[in-house]
Protein backbone atom coordinates (compact mmCIF):
# COMPACT_ATOMS: atom_id res chain seq x y z
CA UNK A 1 0.00 0.00 0.00
CA UNK A 2 1.32 3.46 -0.89
CA UNK A 3 1.82 5.95 1.89
CA UNK A 4 1.26 9.45 0.49
CA UNK A 5 2.60 12.26 2.64
CA UNK A 6 2.40 15.98 2.24
CA UNK A 7 5.81 17.70 2.33
CA UNK A 8 6.34 20.48 4.84
CA UNK A 9 6.19 23.74 2.88
CA UNK A 10 5.87 25.93 5.98
CA UNK A 11 9.15 27.83 5.59
CA UNK A 12 8.61 28.46 1.88
CA UNK A 13 5.08 29.70 2.42
CA UNK A 14 6.24 31.98 5.23
CA UNK A 15 8.90 33.50 2.96
CA UNK A 16 6.29 34.09 0.23
CA UNK A 17 3.93 35.72 2.73
CA UNK A 18 6.65 38.04 4.00
CA UNK A 19 7.64 38.87 0.38
CA UNK A 20 4.02 39.68 -0.51
CA UNK A 21 3.31 41.79 2.57
CA UNK A 22 6.54 43.79 2.20
CA UNK A 23 6.05 44.76 -1.45
CA UNK A 24 2.32 45.31 -1.07
CA UNK A 25 2.92 47.66 1.87
CA UNK A 26 5.56 49.65 -0.03
CA UNK A 27 3.36 49.89 -3.13
CA UNK A 28 0.30 50.93 -1.11
CA UNK A 29 2.27 53.51 0.85
CA UNK A 30 3.86 55.09 -2.22
CA UNK A 31 0.63 55.07 -4.27
CA UNK A 32 -1.32 56.65 -1.38
CA UNK A 33 1.32 59.36 -0.93
CA UNK A 34 1.12 60.22 -4.64
CA UNK A 35 -2.69 60.11 -4.72
CA UNK A 36 -2.78 57.28 -7.29
CA UNK A 37 -6.20 55.91 -6.34
CA UNK A 38 -6.42 53.42 -9.25
CA UNK A 39 -3.01 51.95 -8.39
CA UNK A 40 -3.89 51.86 -4.69
CA UNK A 41 -7.09 49.89 -5.35
CA UNK A 42 -5.38 47.55 -7.83
CA UNK A 43 -2.52 46.78 -5.43
CA UNK A 44 -4.94 46.29 -2.55
CA UNK A 45 -7.21 43.91 -4.47
CA UNK A 46 -4.86 41.96 -6.72
CA UNK A 47 -2.64 39.38 -5.04
CA UNK A 48 0.25 38.44 -7.33
CA UNK A 49 3.15 37.85 -4.89
CA UNK A 50 4.44 41.39 -5.13
CA UNK A 51 4.48 41.63 -8.92
CA UNK A 52 1.95 44.46 -9.16
CA UNK A 53 3.53 46.65 -6.43
CA UNK A 54 6.97 46.01 -7.94
CA UNK A 55 5.64 47.01 -11.35
CA UNK A 56 4.09 50.18 -9.89
CA UNK A 57 7.32 51.16 -8.12
CA UNK A 58 9.33 50.46 -11.28
CA UNK A 59 6.87 52.29 -13.56
CA UNK A 60 6.83 55.40 -11.34
CA UNK A 61 10.64 55.32 -11.05
CA UNK A 62 10.57 54.73 -7.27
CA UNK A 63 11.92 51.17 -7.11
CA UNK A 64 15.60 52.14 -7.14
CA UNK A 65 15.13 54.47 -4.16
CA UNK A 66 13.25 51.80 -2.20
CA UNK A 67 15.97 49.24 -2.89
CA UNK A 68 18.68 51.70 -1.81
CA UNK A 69 16.79 52.46 1.40
CA UNK A 70 16.37 48.74 2.03
CA UNK A 71 20.08 48.13 1.41
CA UNK A 72 21.12 51.02 3.68
CA UNK A 73 18.85 49.73 6.44
CA UNK A 74 20.53 46.33 6.43
CA UNK A 75 24.02 47.80 6.12
CA UNK A 76 23.41 49.93 9.21
CA UNK A 77 22.01 46.97 11.17
CA UNK A 78 24.76 44.48 10.35
CA UNK A 79 27.78 46.75 9.93
CA UNK A 80 30.75 45.84 12.09
CA UNK A 81 31.48 48.37 14.81
PDB file of N, CA and C in Angstrom:
ATOM      1  N   UNK A   1       0.849  -1.176   0.000  1.00  0.00           N
ATOM      2  CA  UNK A   1       0.000   0.000   0.000  1.00  0.00           C
ATOM      3  C   UNK A   1       0.896   1.241   0.000  1.00  0.00           C
ATOM      4  N   UNK A   2       0.548   2.221  -0.814  1.00  0.00           N
ATOM      5  CA  UNK A   2       1.321   3.455  -0.886  1.00  0.00           C
ATOM      6  C   UNK A   2       0.978   4.378   0.266  1.00  0.00           C
ATOM      7  N   UNK A   3       2.014   5.004   0.797  1.00  0.00           N
ATOM      8  CA  UNK A   3       1.821   5.946   1.894  1.00  0.00           C
ATOM      9  C   UNK A   3       2.116   7.347   1.359  1.00  0.00           C
ATOM     10  N   UNK A   4       1.102   8.097   1.030  1.00  0.00           N
ATOM     11  CA  UNK A   4       1.265   9.446   0.494  1.00  0.00           C
ATOM     12  C   UNK A   4       1.381  10.430   1.645  1.00  0.00           C
ATOM     13  N   UNK A   5       2.426  11.244   1.614  1.00  0.00           N
ATOM     14  CA  UNK A   5       2.598  12.262   2.644  1.00  0.00           C
ATOM     15  C   UNK A   5       2.694  13.631   1.987  1.00  0.00           C
ATOM     16  N   UNK A   6       2.324  14.610   2.730  1.00  0.00           N
ATOM     17  CA  UNK A   6       2.397  15.982   2.241  1.00  0.00           C
ATOM     18  C   UNK A   6       3.694  16.595   2.762  1.00  0.00           C
ATOM     19  N   UNK A   7       4.552  17.096   1.857  1.00  0.00           N
ATOM     20  CA  UNK A   7       5.805  17.699   2.326  1.00  0.00           C
ATOM     21  C   UNK A   7       5.537  18.963   3.136  1.00  0.00           C
ATOM     22  N   UNK A   8       6.469  19.298   4.002  1.00  0.00           N
ATOM     23  CA  UNK A   8       6.340  20.477   4.844  1.00  0.00           C
ATOM     24  C   UNK A   8       6.813  21.705   4.064  1.00  0.00           C
ATOM     25  N   UNK A   9       5.879  22.525   3.634  1.00  0.00           N
ATOM     26  CA  UNK A   9       6.188  23.736   2.882  1.00  0.00           C
ATOM     27  C   UNK A   9       6.105  24.980   3.759  1.00  0.00           C
ATOM     28  N   UNK A  10       6.072  24.810   5.065  1.00  0.00           N
ATOM     29  CA  UNK A  10       5.866  25.927   5.983  1.00  0.00           C
ATOM     30  C   UNK A  10       6.844  27.069   5.802  1.00  0.00           C
ATOM     31  N   UNK A  11       8.136  26.772   5.718  1.00  0.00           N
ATOM     32  CA  UNK A  11       9.150  27.830   5.591  1.00  0.00           C
ATOM     33  C   UNK A  11       9.002  28.567   4.262  1.00  0.00           C
ATOM     34  N   UNK A  12       8.775  27.830   3.202  1.00  0.00           N
ATOM     35  CA  UNK A  12       8.611  28.458   1.885  1.00  0.00           C
ATOM     36  C   UNK A  12       7.395  29.354   1.825  1.00  0.00           C
ATOM     37  N   UNK A  13       6.310  28.893   2.402  1.00  0.00           N
ATOM     38  CA  UNK A  13       5.084  29.696   2.418  1.00  0.00           C
ATOM     39  C   UNK A  13       5.283  30.949   3.261  1.00  0.00           C
ATOM     40  N   UNK A  14       5.964  30.821   4.379  1.00  0.00           N
ATOM     41  CA  UNK A  14       6.237  31.977   5.228  1.00  0.00           C
ATOM     42  C   UNK A  14       7.073  33.018   4.483  1.00  0.00           C
ATOM     43  N   UNK A  15       8.068  32.573   3.752  1.00  0.00           N
ATOM     44  CA  UNK A  15       8.897  33.495   2.959  1.00  0.00           C
ATOM     45  C   UNK A  15       8.050  34.207   1.913  1.00  0.00           C
ATOM     46  N   UNK A  16       7.168  33.474   1.235  1.00  0.00           N
ATOM     47  CA  UNK A  16       6.292  34.092   0.232  1.00  0.00           C
ATOM     48  C   UNK A  16       5.328  35.098   0.866  1.00  0.00           C
ATOM     49  N   UNK A  17       4.834  34.793   2.035  1.00  0.00           N
ATOM     50  CA  UNK A  17       3.926  35.719   2.727  1.00  0.00           C
ATOM     51  C   UNK A  17       4.660  37.000   3.100  1.00  0.00           C
ATOM     52  N   UNK A  18       5.857  36.858   3.638  1.00  0.00           N
ATOM     53  CA  UNK A  18       6.650  38.041   3.998  1.00  0.00           C
ATOM     54  C   UNK A  18       6.966  38.867   2.754  1.00  0.00           C
ATOM     55  N   UNK A  19       7.351  38.205   1.654  1.00  0.00           N
ATOM     56  CA  UNK A  19       7.639  38.871   0.377  1.00  0.00           C
ATOM     57  C   UNK A  19       6.419  39.664  -0.083  1.00  0.00           C
ATOM     58  N   UNK A  20       5.259  39.039  -0.059  1.00  0.00           N
ATOM     59  CA  UNK A  20       4.023  39.679  -0.508  1.00  0.00           C
ATOM     60  C   UNK A  20       3.667  40.883   0.360  1.00  0.00           C
ATOM     61  N   UNK A  21       3.692  40.713   1.659  1.00  0.00           N
ATOM     62  CA  UNK A  21       3.310  41.792   2.567  1.00  0.00           C
ATOM     63  C   UNK A  21       4.258  42.977   2.433  1.00  0.00           C
ATOM     64  N   UNK A  22       5.557  42.711   2.325  1.00  0.00           N
ATOM     65  CA  UNK A  22       6.538  43.786   2.205  1.00  0.00           C
ATOM     66  C   UNK A  22       6.284  44.625   0.960  1.00  0.00           C
ATOM     67  N   UNK A  23       6.215  43.995  -0.207  1.00  0.00           N
ATOM     68  CA  UNK A  23       6.055  44.757  -1.455  1.00  0.00           C
ATOM     69  C   UNK A  23       4.671  45.392  -1.569  1.00  0.00           C
ATOM     70  N   UNK A  24       3.658  44.719  -1.050  1.00  0.00           N
ATOM     71  CA  UNK A  24       2.320  45.311  -1.071  1.00  0.00           C
ATOM     72  C   UNK A  24       2.285  46.556  -0.197  1.00  0.00           C
ATOM     73  N   UNK A  25       2.894  46.503   0.975  1.00  0.00           N
ATOM     74  CA  UNK A  25       2.918  47.662   1.873  1.00  0.00           C
ATOM     75  C   UNK A  25       3.658  48.839   1.235  1.00  0.00           C
ATOM     76  N   UNK A  26       4.801  48.580   0.619  1.00  0.00           N
ATOM     77  CA  UNK A  26       5.563  49.647  -0.033  1.00  0.00           C
ATOM     78  C   UNK A  26       4.753  50.251  -1.174  1.00  0.00           C
ATOM     79  N   UNK A  27       4.167  49.405  -2.002  1.00  0.00           N
ATOM     80  CA  UNK A  27       3.359  49.890  -3.129  1.00  0.00           C
ATOM     81  C   UNK A  27       2.150  50.688  -2.676  1.00  0.00           C
ATOM     82  N   UNK A  28       1.453  50.204  -1.641  1.00  0.00           N
ATOM     83  CA  UNK A  28       0.296  50.925  -1.112  1.00  0.00           C
ATOM     84  C   UNK A  28       0.710  52.267  -0.525  1.00  0.00           C
ATOM     85  N   UNK A  29       1.791  52.279   0.223  1.00  0.00           N
ATOM     86  CA  UNK A  29       2.271  53.510   0.850  1.00  0.00           C
ATOM     87  C   UNK A  29       2.621  54.553  -0.210  1.00  0.00           C
ATOM     88  N   UNK A  30       3.415  54.142  -1.199  1.00  0.00           N
ATOM     89  CA  UNK A  30       3.858  55.086  -2.224  1.00  0.00           C
ATOM     90  C   UNK A  30       2.684  55.567  -3.087  1.00  0.00           C
ATOM     91  N   UNK A  31       1.762  54.663  -3.442  1.00  0.00           N
ATOM     92  CA  UNK A  31       0.627  55.073  -4.271  1.00  0.00           C
ATOM     93  C   UNK A  31      -0.306  56.010  -3.495  1.00  0.00           C
ATOM     94  N   UNK A  32      -0.475  55.771  -2.196  1.00  0.00           N
ATOM     95  CA  UNK A  32      -1.317  56.655  -1.383  1.00  0.00           C
ATOM     96  C   UNK A  32      -0.681  58.036  -1.263  1.00  0.00           C
ATOM     97  N   UNK A  33       0.624  58.079  -1.044  1.00  0.00           N
ATOM     98  CA  UNK A  33       1.318  59.361  -0.928  1.00  0.00           C
ATOM     99  C   UNK A  33       1.213  60.181  -2.212  1.00  0.00           C
ATOM    100  N   UNK A  34       1.204  59.515  -3.359  1.00  0.00           N
ATOM    101  CA  UNK A  34       1.117  60.221  -4.638  1.00  0.00           C
ATOM    102  C   UNK A  34      -0.325  60.483  -5.064  1.00  0.00           C
ATOM    103  N   UNK A  35      -1.283  59.919  -4.364  1.00  0.00           N
ATOM    104  CA  UNK A  35      -2.687  60.114  -4.717  1.00  0.00           C
ATOM    105  C   UNK A  35      -3.125  59.280  -5.906  1.00  0.00           C
ATOM    106  N   UNK A  36      -2.433  58.172  -6.169  1.00  0.00           N
ATOM    107  CA  UNK A  36      -2.780  57.280  -7.287  1.00  0.00           C
ATOM    108  C   UNK A  36      -3.844  56.282  -6.837  1.00  0.00           C
ATOM    109  N   UNK A  37      -5.104  56.722  -6.852  1.00  0.00           N
ATOM    110  CA  UNK A  37      -6.205  55.905  -6.345  1.00  0.00           C
ATOM    111  C   UNK A  37      -6.362  54.593  -7.116  1.00  0.00           C
ATOM    112  N   UNK A  38      -6.272  54.638  -8.438  1.00  0.00           N
ATOM    113  CA  UNK A  38      -6.424  53.419  -9.249  1.00  0.00           C
ATOM    114  C   UNK A  38      -5.353  52.398  -8.878  1.00  0.00           C
ATOM    115  N   UNK A  39      -4.100  52.857  -8.772  1.00  0.00           N
ATOM    116  CA  UNK A  39      -3.015  51.946  -8.392  1.00  0.00           C
ATOM    117  C   UNK A  39      -3.221  51.423  -6.972  1.00  0.00           C
ATOM    118  N   UNK A  40      -3.661  52.277  -6.070  1.00  0.00           N
ATOM    119  CA  UNK A  40      -3.888  51.857  -4.689  1.00  0.00           C
ATOM    120  C   UNK A  40      -4.922  50.735  -4.634  1.00  0.00           C
ATOM    121  N   UNK A  41      -6.025  50.906  -5.335  1.00  0.00           N
ATOM    122  CA  UNK A  41      -7.086  49.890  -5.349  1.00  0.00           C
ATOM    123  C   UNK A  41      -6.592  48.611  -6.007  1.00  0.00           C
ATOM    124  N   UNK A  42      -5.883  48.739  -7.124  1.00  0.00           N
ATOM    125  CA  UNK A  42      -5.380  47.553  -7.828  1.00  0.00           C
ATOM    126  C   UNK A  42      -4.408  46.769  -6.944  1.00  0.00           C
ATOM    127  N   UNK A  43      -3.489  47.463  -6.294  1.00  0.00           N
ATOM    128  CA  UNK A  43      -2.520  46.782  -5.426  1.00  0.00           C
ATOM    129  C   UNK A  43      -3.233  46.135  -4.243  1.00  0.00           C
ATOM    130  N   UNK A  44      -4.205  46.811  -3.697  1.00  0.00           N
ATOM    131  CA  UNK A  44      -4.938  46.293  -2.553  1.00  0.00           C
ATOM    132  C   UNK A  44      -5.735  45.037  -2.906  1.00  0.00           C
ATOM    133  N   UNK A  45      -6.315  45.005  -4.098  1.00  0.00           N
ATOM    134  CA  UNK A  45      -7.213  43.912  -4.469  1.00  0.00           C
ATOM    135  C   UNK A  45      -6.539  42.746  -5.180  1.00  0.00           C
ATOM    136  N   UNK A  46      -5.489  43.012  -5.924  1.00  0.00           N
ATOM    137  CA  UNK A  46      -4.856  41.956  -6.719  1.00  0.00           C
ATOM    138  C   UNK A  46      -3.683  41.376  -5.935  1.00  0.00           C
ATOM    139  N   UNK A  47      -3.668  40.067  -5.817  1.00  0.00           N
ATOM    140  CA  UNK A  47      -2.643  39.384  -5.040  1.00  0.00           C
ATOM    141  C   UNK A  47      -1.763  38.553  -5.976  1.00  0.00           C
ATOM    142  N   UNK A  48      -0.627  39.130  -6.402  1.00  0.00           N
ATOM    143  CA  UNK A  48       0.254  38.440  -7.333  1.00  0.00           C
ATOM    144  C   UNK A  48       1.683  38.319  -6.797  1.00  0.00           C
ATOM    145  N   UNK A  49       1.840  38.033  -5.532  1.00  0.00           N
ATOM    146  CA  UNK A  49       3.145  37.854  -4.894  1.00  0.00           C
ATOM    147  C   UNK A  49       4.096  39.008  -5.151  1.00  0.00           C
ATOM    148  N   UNK A  50       3.585  40.219  -5.040  1.00  0.00           N
ATOM    149  CA  UNK A  50       4.439  41.388  -5.133  1.00  0.00           C
ATOM    150  C   UNK A  50       4.705  41.887  -6.533  1.00  0.00           C
ATOM    151  N   UNK A  51       4.193  41.221  -7.544  1.00  0.00           N
ATOM    152  CA  UNK A  51       4.483  41.632  -8.922  1.00  0.00           C
ATOM    153  C   UNK A  51       3.855  42.982  -9.236  1.00  0.00           C
ATOM    154  N   UNK A  52       2.613  43.191  -8.862  1.00  0.00           N
ATOM    155  CA  UNK A  52       1.954  44.463  -9.160  1.00  0.00           C
ATOM    156  C   UNK A  52       2.591  45.639  -8.407  1.00  0.00           C
ATOM    157  N   UNK A  53       2.854  45.525  -7.093  1.00  0.00           N
ATOM    158  CA  UNK A  53       3.532  46.645  -6.431  1.00  0.00           C
ATOM    159  C   UNK A  53       4.929  46.901  -6.989  1.00  0.00           C
ATOM    160  N   UNK A  54       5.656  45.838  -7.322  1.00  0.00           N
ATOM    161  CA  UNK A  54       6.974  46.013  -7.938  1.00  0.00           C
ATOM    162  C   UNK A  54       6.851  46.740  -9.269  1.00  0.00           C
ATOM    163  N   UNK A  55       5.859  46.354 -10.065  1.00  0.00           N
ATOM    164  CA  UNK A  55       5.644  47.010 -11.348  1.00  0.00           C
ATOM    165  C   UNK A  55       5.304  48.482 -11.140  1.00  0.00           C
ATOM    166  N   UNK A  56       4.448  48.785 -10.174  1.00  0.00           N
ATOM    167  CA  UNK A  56       4.094  50.175  -9.885  1.00  0.00           C
ATOM    168  C   UNK A  56       5.333  50.981  -9.498  1.00  0.00           C
ATOM    169  N   UNK A  57       6.127  50.452  -8.572  1.00  0.00           N
ATOM    170  CA  UNK A  57       7.318  51.161  -8.118  1.00  0.00           C
ATOM    171  C   UNK A  57       8.312  51.355  -9.267  1.00  0.00           C
ATOM    172  N   UNK A  58       8.443  50.345 -10.127  1.00  0.00           N
ATOM    173  CA  UNK A  58       9.331  50.458 -11.282  1.00  0.00           C
ATOM    174  C   UNK A  58       8.784  51.487 -12.277  1.00  0.00           C
ATOM    175  N   UNK A  59       7.498  51.414 -12.560  1.00  0.00           N
ATOM    176  CA  UNK A  59       6.866  52.292 -13.557  1.00  0.00           C
ATOM    177  C   UNK A  59       6.920  53.765 -13.131  1.00  0.00           C
ATOM    178  N   UNK A  60       6.813  54.019 -11.833  1.00  0.00           N
ATOM    179  CA  UNK A  60       6.833  55.396 -11.342  1.00  0.00           C
ATOM    180  C   UNK A  60       8.235  55.817 -10.909  1.00  0.00           C
ATOM    181  N   UNK A  61       9.223  55.016 -11.278  1.00  0.00           N
ATOM    182  CA  UNK A  61      10.645  55.317 -11.046  1.00  0.00           C
ATOM    183  C   UNK A  61      10.977  55.470  -9.558  1.00  0.00           C
ATOM    184  N   UNK A  62      10.328  54.692  -8.707  1.00  0.00           N
ATOM    185  CA  UNK A  62      10.570  54.734  -7.267  1.00  0.00           C
ATOM    186  C   UNK A  62      11.281  53.484  -6.753  1.00  0.00           C
ATOM    187  N   UNK A  63      11.377  52.449  -7.571  1.00  0.00           N
ATOM    188  CA  UNK A  63      11.920  51.169  -7.114  1.00  0.00           C
ATOM    189  C   UNK A  63      13.381  51.293  -6.695  1.00  0.00           C
ATOM    190  N   UNK A  64      14.180  52.012  -7.456  1.00  0.00           N
ATOM    191  CA  UNK A  64      15.600  52.136  -7.137  1.00  0.00           C
ATOM    192  C   UNK A  64      15.803  52.781  -5.762  1.00  0.00           C
ATOM    193  N   UNK A  65      15.036  53.816  -5.464  1.00  0.00           N
ATOM    194  CA  UNK A  65      15.131  54.470  -4.162  1.00  0.00           C
ATOM    195  C   UNK A  65      14.739  53.538  -3.024  1.00  0.00           C
ATOM    196  N   UNK A  66      13.695  52.747  -3.229  1.00  0.00           N
ATOM    197  CA  UNK A  66      13.252  51.800  -2.202  1.00  0.00           C
ATOM    198  C   UNK A  66      14.332  50.751  -1.964  1.00  0.00           C
ATOM    199  N   UNK A  67      14.921  50.244  -3.040  1.00  0.00           N
ATOM    200  CA  UNK A  67      15.967  49.237  -2.895  1.00  0.00           C
ATOM    201  C   UNK A  67      17.203  49.806  -2.195  1.00  0.00           C
ATOM    202  N   UNK A  68      17.548  51.063  -2.491  1.00  0.00           N
ATOM    203  CA  UNK A  68      18.682  51.697  -1.813  1.00  0.00           C
ATOM    204  C   UNK A  68      18.387  51.887  -0.330  1.00  0.00           C
ATOM    205  N   UNK A  69      17.171  52.310   0.000  1.00  0.00           N
ATOM    206  CA  UNK A  69      16.787  52.462   1.404  1.00  0.00           C
ATOM    207  C   UNK A  69      16.852  51.121   2.132  1.00  0.00           C
ATOM    208  N   UNK A  70      16.369  50.089   1.473  1.00  0.00           N
ATOM    209  CA  UNK A  70      16.374  48.739   2.031  1.00  0.00           C
ATOM    210  C   UNK A  70      17.813  48.272   2.266  1.00  0.00           C
ATOM    211  N   UNK A  71      18.680  48.508   1.304  1.00  0.00           N
ATOM    212  CA  UNK A  71      20.085  48.133   1.410  1.00  0.00           C
ATOM    213  C   UNK A  71      20.768  48.914   2.539  1.00  0.00           C
ATOM    214  N   UNK A  72      20.532  50.204   2.624  1.00  0.00           N
ATOM    215  CA  UNK A  72      21.123  51.024   3.685  1.00  0.00           C
ATOM    216  C   UNK A  72      20.652  50.589   5.070  1.00  0.00           C
ATOM    217  N   UNK A  73      19.387  50.207   5.169  1.00  0.00           N
ATOM    218  CA  UNK A  73      18.850  49.731   6.436  1.00  0.00           C
ATOM    219  C   UNK A  73      19.632  48.516   6.930  1.00  0.00           C
ATOM    220  N   UNK A  74      19.834  47.539   6.032  1.00  0.00           N
ATOM    221  CA  UNK A  74      20.533  46.329   6.435  1.00  0.00           C
ATOM    222  C   UNK A  74      22.025  46.569   6.653  1.00  0.00           C
ATOM    223  N   UNK A  75      22.613  47.467   5.892  1.00  0.00           N
ATOM    224  CA  UNK A  75      24.017  47.801   6.116  1.00  0.00           C
ATOM    225  C   UNK A  75      24.201  48.406   7.507  1.00  0.00           C
ATOM    226  N   UNK A  76      23.298  49.291   7.901  1.00  0.00           N
ATOM    227  CA  UNK A  76      23.411  49.931   9.209  1.00  0.00           C
ATOM    228  C   UNK A  76      23.159  48.942  10.339  1.00  0.00           C
ATOM    229  N   UNK A  77      22.331  47.947  10.123  1.00  0.00           N
ATOM    230  CA  UNK A  77      22.011  46.975  11.167  1.00  0.00           C
ATOM    231  C   UNK A  77      23.123  45.952  11.370  1.00  0.00           C
ATOM    232  N   UNK A  78      23.796  45.579  10.274  1.00  0.00           N
ATOM    233  CA  UNK A  78      24.760  44.480  10.349  1.00  0.00           C
ATOM    234  C   UNK A  78      26.203  44.933  10.115  1.00  0.00           C
ATOM    235  N   UNK A  79      26.427  46.233  10.134  1.00  0.00           N
ATOM    236  CA  UNK A  79      27.776  46.748   9.930  1.00  0.00           C
ATOM    237  C   UNK A  79      28.610  46.513  11.180  1.00  0.00           C
ATOM    238  N   UNK A  80      29.855  46.077  10.949  1.00  0.00           N
ATOM    239  CA  UNK A  80      30.755  45.841  12.089  1.00  0.00           C
ATOM    240  C   UNK A  80      31.129  47.159  12.734  1.00  0.00           C
ATOM    241  N   UNK A  81      31.155  47.161  14.061  1.00  0.00           N
ATOM    242  CA  UNK A  81      31.481  48.374  14.808  1.00  0.00           C
ATOM    243  C   UNK A  81      32.900  48.337  15.322  1.00  0.00           C
TER     244      UNK A  81
END
